Amino acid sequence: MKSLLVAAAAALCLALPAVPALAQAPAAKPPVEAEAKPKRKMTPGQIAAKERQKACAGEWKKDKAAGKTAGQTWPKYWSACNKRLKAARA
């Protein structure tokens, strides 16, 4: 009885065609230009924040290479640097 079930299962597996579409990833659609939203212009506050972030990133790289960060992580360094630059501008 078991050999009959095993034989039937084997025959069924051999009879089913392989499904190549499932083995391959679907092709990504190219973006449609009509659906793309235009980028909004950055506000003056956003521009200033981005400039401060770039300035702090440059300072962070220099200080980290020189070993002057005293174990500080980037988020803490960024917070202190951002506050310092905002205060200097005001």
Foldseek 3Di string as FASTA:
>chain_A
DVVVVVVVVVVVVVPDDDDVVVVDDDDDDDDDPVPDDDDDDDDPVRVVLVVLQVVLVVVVVVCVVVVNCVPDDPVVSSVVSVVVVVVVVD
